[in-house]
Amino acid sequence: MSRYDIAIIGTGPAGISAAITAKIRNKEIILLGSSDISAKLSKAHRIDNYPGLSQISGADFAEKLKAQLSDLGIEITQKQVSAVYAMGEYFSLQAGEDMIEASSVIVASGVVQGKALPGEDKYLGRGVSYCATCDARLYKGKTVAVLGYSNEAPEEAEFLSEIVEKVIYVPMGKELPEERENIEIVREKPAEIVGEKSVTALKTDKGVYEVSCVFVLRDAVMPDKLVPGVETDGAHIKVDLNMKTNLPGLFACGDIAGKPYQYVKAAGQGNVAALSAVTYLMEKQKNG
């Protein structure tokens, strides 16, 4: 397995800024996220405070970012990272069924909106999962629930339906999976994940559904779940002025590093995070 110098998680202004800087500094990088760039950015009506791009729409800004990535030969790997493990000399990233190795990691995945459901933290790894591709085969022949927050959730529900007995799909957005005999759409509000030693049911505001697993499919994973051992402050990863976290070789930037949630701030932090990662790699090479 090849090992990248820097793995960058997120394709908003912070992640793309980090990728551009790291590429210019001749580092072997992998940029993980959506090829549509940031949904939040693309839907922005107008951006007034980005230097040099006066009153640009979010969609036009996203296109300019895509063009710059293309000019530099930076490809986006369309995979959602569900976990990052510090292995000592390197990091191991779980992205679907793939494991990716990198000497350093920059987390620019954005801030997770909303609180965890009651029972979500308690049963994580015991019937709560953030990755259908990773854990589907554990529930072959069983009934599972999918809370579909992300745009990719319907596709993951369809994948699950090919392996499990039945999928209870709770749409948290507008997108729905295709109609299949073993996919039931439940338009109710999730209330609690319940169980004993492991998950046994999903409670909603209108009923109770017996399931063996609840797949919570958001656009991003809470930072303490994404990177075990990283220091957090609520929904944010704690960083210093160089975007360093408490884990050597791990950096964070953009919204996930705290307020203000501004594109210009995110891009600047992405640049700093990349430079800090480059310095970390140089020092590691000297001492290695």
Protein backbone atom coordinates (compact mmCIF):
# COMPACT_ATOMS: atom_id res chain seq x y z
CA MET A 1 0.00 0.00 0.00
CA SER A 2 1.38 3.39 -1.01
CA ARG A 3 1.51 6.07 1.68
CA TYR A 4 0.67 9.68 0.94
CA ASP A 5 2.55 12.58 2.47
CA ILE A 6 -0.66 14.41 3.32
CA ALA A 7 -4.29 13.29 3.31
CA ILE A 8 -6.74 16.19 3.16
CA ILE A 9 -10.33 15.57 4.23
CA GLY A 10 -12.87 18.01 2.82
CA THR A 11 -13.37 19.92 -0.40
CA GLY A 12 -14.55 23.28 0.86
CA PRO A 13 -12.34 26.39 0.69
CA ALA A 14 -10.18 25.16 3.60
CA GLY A 15 -9.47 21.74 2.15
CA ILE A 16 -8.90 23.03 -1.38
CA SER A 17 -6.59 25.79 -0.12
CA ALA A 18 -4.60 23.17 1.81
CA ALA A 19 -4.42 20.92 -1.26
CA ILE A 20 -3.19 23.75 -3.49
CA THR A 21 -0.46 24.78 -1.06
CA ALA A 22 0.65 21.18 -0.42
CA LYS A 23 0.76 20.45 -4.16
CA ILE A 24 2.84 23.56 -4.84
CA ARG A 25 5.23 22.35 -2.14
CA ASN A 26 5.64 19.10 -4.10
CA LYS A 27 3.93 16.82 -1.60
CA GLU A 28 2.17 13.60 -2.54
CA ILE A 29 -1.41 14.31 -1.51
CA ILE A 30 -4.87 12.79 -1.61
CA LEU A 31 -7.88 15.10 -1.44
CA LEU A 32 -11.02 13.34 -0.20
CA GLY A 33 -14.51 14.73 -0.54
CA SER A 34 -17.22 15.66 -2.99
CA SER A 35 -16.43 16.61 -6.58
CA ASP A 36 -19.28 19.12 -6.27
CA ILE A 37 -17.08 21.01 -3.79
CA SER A 38 -18.96 22.29 -0.71
CA ALA A 39 -22.76 22.16 -0.88
CA LYS A 40 -22.84 25.07 1.54
CA LEU A 41 -20.58 27.11 -0.75
CA SER A 42 -22.40 26.20 -3.97
CA LYS A 43 -25.72 27.35 -2.52
CA ALA A 44 -24.38 30.71 -1.28
CA HIS A 45 -26.24 33.54 -3.06
CA ARG A 46 -23.37 36.02 -2.96
CA ILE A 47 -19.98 36.36 -1.26
CA ASP A 48 -18.91 39.94 -0.55
CA ASN A 49 -15.77 39.68 1.57
CA TYR A 50 -13.40 37.43 -0.40
CA PRO A 51 -10.45 39.55 -1.63
CA GLY A 52 -10.27 39.77 -5.42
CA LEU A 53 -13.66 38.11 -5.98
CA SER A 54 -16.13 40.88 -5.27
CA GLN A 55 -19.80 39.90 -5.12
CA ILE A 56 -19.22 36.45 -6.58
CA SER A 57 -21.91 33.80 -6.30
CA GLY A 58 -21.14 30.62 -4.41
CA ALA A 59 -21.65 28.53 -7.56
CA ASP A 60 -19.18 30.66 -9.54
CA PHE A 61 -16.67 30.53 -6.69
CA ALA A 62 -16.96 26.74 -6.61
CA GLU A 63 -16.28 26.59 -10.36
CA LYS A 64 -13.15 28.70 -9.95
CA LEU A 65 -11.91 26.35 -7.22
CA LYS A 66 -12.54 23.34 -9.46
CA ALA A 67 -10.65 25.02 -12.30
CA GLN A 68 -7.64 25.72 -10.10
CA LEU A 69 -7.54 22.12 -8.91
CA SER A 70 -7.67 20.98 -12.53
CA ASP A 71 -4.87 23.36 -13.54
CA LEU A 72 -2.66 21.85 -10.83
CA GLY A 73 -3.59 18.28 -11.66
CA ILE A 74 -5.25 17.70 -8.29
CA GLU A 75 -7.97 15.07 -8.42
CA ILE A 76 -10.75 14.69 -5.88
CA THR A 77 -11.20 11.20 -4.48
CA GLN A 78 -14.93 10.92 -3.90
CA LYS A 79 -14.97 8.98 -0.67
CA GLN A 80 -16.28 9.92 2.75
CA VAL A 81 -13.81 9.26 5.53
CA SER A 82 -15.53 7.70 8.53
CA ALA A 83 -12.50 7.29 10.82
CA VAL A 84 -8.89 8.44 11.15
CA TYR A 85 -6.57 6.37 13.34
CA ALA A 86 -3.22 7.61 14.63
CA MET A 87 -0.86 4.66 14.17
CA GLY A 88 2.30 6.27 15.52
CA GLU A 89 4.43 6.83 12.42
CA TYR A 90 1.44 7.36 10.14
CA PHE A 91 -2.35 7.66 10.00
CA SER A 92 -4.83 5.13 8.68
CA LEU A 93 -8.03 6.51 7.16
CA GLN A 94 -11.13 4.39 6.71
CA ALA A 95 -12.95 5.46 3.53
CA GLY A 96 -15.72 3.04 2.68
CA GLU A 97 -14.12 -0.39 2.26
CA ASP A 98 -10.69 1.16 1.64
CA MET A 99 -7.93 1.95 4.12
CA ILE A 100 -5.69 4.86 3.14
CA GLU A 101 -2.31 5.58 4.73
CA ALA A 102 -0.79 9.04 5.10
CA SER A 103 2.14 10.47 7.04
CA SER A 104 0.03 13.49 8.03
CA VAL A 105 -3.63 14.49 7.87
CA ILE A 106 -5.47 17.78 7.47
CA VAL A 107 -9.10 17.70 8.59
CA ALA A 108 -11.22 20.29 6.78
CA SER A 109 -14.51 18.43 6.78
CA GLY A 110 -16.72 21.22 8.08
CA VAL A 111 -18.74 21.45 11.24
CA VAL A 112 -21.45 18.91 12.03
CA GLN A 113 -24.82 20.57 12.52
CA GLY A 114 -27.09 19.34 15.29
CA LYS A 115 -26.61 17.14 18.31
CA ALA A 116 -26.23 13.40 18.46
CA LEU A 117 -29.46 11.45 18.95
CA PRO A 118 -30.06 9.97 22.41
CA GLY A 119 -28.36 6.57 22.33
CA GLU A 120 -26.15 7.41 19.35
CA ASP A 121 -22.95 7.75 21.37
CA LYS A 122 -23.83 4.89 23.71
CA TYR A 123 -24.27 2.33 20.92
CA LEU A 124 -21.55 3.49 18.54
CA GLY A 125 -19.86 0.30 17.33
CA ARG A 126 -22.67 -1.76 18.86
CA GLY A 127 -25.38 -1.13 16.30
CA VAL A 128 -24.72 2.51 15.40
CA SER A 129 -22.60 3.09 12.32
CA TYR A 130 -21.59 6.07 10.19
CA CYS A 131 -20.58 4.00 7.16
CA ALA A 132 -22.95 1.67 5.30
CA THR A 133 -20.24 0.50 2.91
CA CYS A 134 -18.00 -0.47 5.83
CA ASP A 135 -20.49 -2.33 8.00
CA ALA A 136 -23.28 -3.59 5.72
CA ARG A 137 -22.09 -7.20 5.73
CA LEU A 138 -22.30 -7.35 9.52
CA TYR A 139 -26.09 -7.14 9.18
CA LYS A 140 -26.73 -9.56 6.33
CA GLY A 141 -30.29 -10.88 6.53
CA LYS A 142 -31.30 -8.36 9.22
CA THR A 143 -33.41 -5.19 9.37
CA VAL A 144 -31.58 -1.88 9.65
CA ALA A 145 -32.50 1.79 9.74
CA VAL A 146 -30.88 4.60 7.76
CA LEU A 147 -31.10 8.23 8.87
CA GLY A 148 -30.44 9.98 5.58
CA TYR A 149 -28.91 13.40 6.22
CA SER A 150 -26.36 13.42 3.38
CA ASN A 151 -26.87 13.56 -0.38
CA GLU A 152 -25.13 10.18 -0.65
CA ALA A 153 -27.46 8.51 1.87
CA PRO A 154 -30.02 7.24 -0.69
CA GLU A 155 -27.27 5.51 -2.68
CA GLU A 156 -25.92 3.90 0.48
CA ALA A 157 -29.43 2.75 1.42
CA GLU A 158 -29.75 1.11 -2.00
CA PHE A 159 -26.42 -0.63 -1.45
CA LEU A 160 -27.59 -1.84 1.96
CA SER A 161 -30.81 -3.21 0.47
CA GLU A 162 -28.77 -5.64 -1.63
CA ILE A 163 -27.29 -7.21 1.52
CA VAL A 164 -29.71 -6.82 4.43
CA GLU A 165 -33.26 -8.15 4.77
CA LYS A 166 -34.92 -4.72 5.01
CA VAL A 167 -34.02 -1.02 5.17
CA ILE A 168 -36.11 1.47 7.15
CA TYR A 169 -35.16 4.77 5.48
CA VAL A 170 -35.83 7.99 7.40
CA PRO A 171 -35.26 10.96 5.04
CA MET A 172 -33.70 13.97 6.78
CA GLY A 173 -33.41 15.79 3.44
CA LYS A 174 -35.15 15.82 0.08
CA GLU A 175 -33.28 12.98 -1.61
CA LEU A 176 -34.82 9.50 -1.55
CA PRO A 177 -33.56 6.06 -2.58
CA GLU A 178 -35.15 4.34 -5.55
CA GLU A 179 -38.26 2.27 -4.85
CA ARG A 180 -37.43 -1.29 -3.86
CA GLU A 181 -39.45 -4.00 -2.15
CA ASN A 182 -37.19 -4.09 0.88
CA ILE A 183 -36.81 -0.31 1.37
CA GLU A 184 -39.52 1.32 3.48
CA ILE A 185 -39.64 5.14 3.57
CA VAL A 186 -40.61 6.40 7.01
CA ARG A 187 -41.32 10.14 7.10
CA GLU A 188 -41.03 10.55 10.86
CA LYS A 189 -38.68 12.37 13.22
CA PRO A 190 -36.01 10.20 14.88
CA ALA A 191 -36.21 10.44 18.66
CA GLU A 192 -33.91 7.82 20.23
CA ILE A 193 -31.77 4.79 19.51
CA VAL A 194 -32.47 2.11 22.09
CA GLY A 195 -31.01 -1.26 22.96
CA GLU A 196 -29.52 -3.53 25.55
CA LYS A 197 -26.00 -4.78 24.84
CA SER A 198 -26.50 -3.57 21.27
CA VAL A 199 -29.13 -1.67 19.29
CA THR A 200 -32.59 -3.21 19.25
CA ALA A 201 -34.80 -0.41 17.93
CA LEU A 202 -35.18 3.10 16.56
CA LYS A 203 -37.81 5.26 18.21
CA THR A 204 -39.46 8.06 16.25
CA ASP A 205 -42.07 10.64 17.18
CA LYS A 206 -44.73 8.25 15.90
CA GLY A 207 -43.52 4.71 16.48
CA VAL A 208 -40.87 2.14 17.29
CA TYR A 209 -38.99 0.12 14.64
CA GLU A 210 -37.12 -3.02 15.59
CA VAL A 211 -33.70 -2.91 13.91
CA SER A 212 -30.26 -4.40 14.44
CA CYS A 213 -28.38 -1.29 13.35
CA VAL A 214 -28.98 2.43 12.79
CA PHE A 215 -26.81 3.94 10.07
CA VAL A 216 -26.50 7.68 10.75
CA LEU A 217 -25.39 9.07 7.39
CA ARG A 218 -24.41 12.72 7.73
CA ASP A 219 -22.20 14.84 5.46
CA ALA A 220 -19.57 14.84 8.21
CA VAL A 221 -18.79 12.90 11.37
CA MET A 222 -18.41 14.55 14.77
CA PRO A 223 -14.68 15.18 15.30
CA ASP A 224 -14.30 13.01 18.39
CA LYS A 225 -15.84 10.10 16.45
CA LEU A 226 -13.84 10.84 13.31
CA VAL A 227 -10.46 10.96 15.06
CA PRO A 228 -10.27 8.97 18.30
CA GLY A 229 -8.06 10.77 20.81
CA VAL A 230 -8.24 14.25 19.29
CA GLU A 231 -9.04 17.09 21.69
CA THR A 232 -12.31 18.82 20.89
CA ASP A 233 -14.42 21.73 22.04
CA GLY A 234 -17.98 20.77 21.26
CA ALA A 235 -18.30 20.35 17.49
CA HIS A 236 -14.82 21.78 16.89
CA ILE A 237 -11.29 20.36 16.96
CA LYS A 238 -8.92 22.30 19.20
CA VAL A 239 -6.01 23.83 17.27
CA ASP A 240 -3.23 26.33 17.88
CA LEU A 241 -2.35 29.22 15.57
CA ASN A 242 -0.47 26.80 13.30
CA MET A 243 -3.55 24.59 13.00
CA LYS A 244 -1.86 21.84 15.02
CA THR A 245 -3.97 19.50 17.13
CA ASN A 246 -2.88 17.50 20.17
CA LEU A 247 -1.97 14.58 17.86
CA PRO A 248 1.40 15.04 16.10
CA GLY A 249 0.91 15.15 12.34
CA LEU A 250 -2.81 15.93 12.54
CA PHE A 251 -4.00 19.40 11.59
CA ALA A 252 -7.45 20.97 11.29
CA CYS A 253 -8.75 24.07 9.53
CA GLY A 254 -11.92 25.81 8.41
CA ASP A 255 -15.27 25.52 10.16
CA ILE A 256 -14.24 22.42 12.08
CA ALA A 257 -11.50 24.47 13.77
CA GLY A 258 -14.02 26.95 15.17
CA LYS A 259 -15.79 30.21 14.43
CA PRO A 260 -16.10 32.48 12.53
CA TYR A 261 -17.58 30.38 9.72
CA GLN A 262 -16.19 32.50 6.88
CA TYR A 263 -14.81 31.35 3.52
CA VAL A 264 -11.90 33.77 3.63
CA LYS A 265 -10.90 32.56 7.09
CA ALA A 266 -11.21 28.93 6.01
CA ALA A 267 -8.97 29.42 2.99
CA GLY A 268 -6.33 31.15 5.09
CA GLN A 269 -6.36 28.41 7.68
CA GLY A 270 -6.08 25.79 4.93
CA ASN A 271 -2.90 27.46 3.72
CA VAL A 272 -1.47 27.55 7.25
CA ALA A 273 -2.40 23.91 7.90
CA ALA A 274 -0.64 22.78 4.72
CA LEU A 275 2.52 24.74 5.53
CA SER A 276 2.49 23.28 9.04
CA ALA A 277 2.10 19.77 7.62
CA VAL A 278 5.02 20.36 5.25
CA THR A 279 7.17 21.54 8.18
CA TYR A 280 6.13 18.50 10.23
CA LEU A 281 7.15 16.16 7.42
CA MET A 282 10.53 17.90 6.99
CA GLU A 283 11.27 17.66 10.71
CA LYS A 284 10.18 14.05 10.77
CA GLN A 285 12.51 13.24 7.88
CA LYS A 286 15.44 14.99 9.59
CA ASN A 287 14.89 13.12 12.82
CA GLY A 288 14.09 9.80 11.17
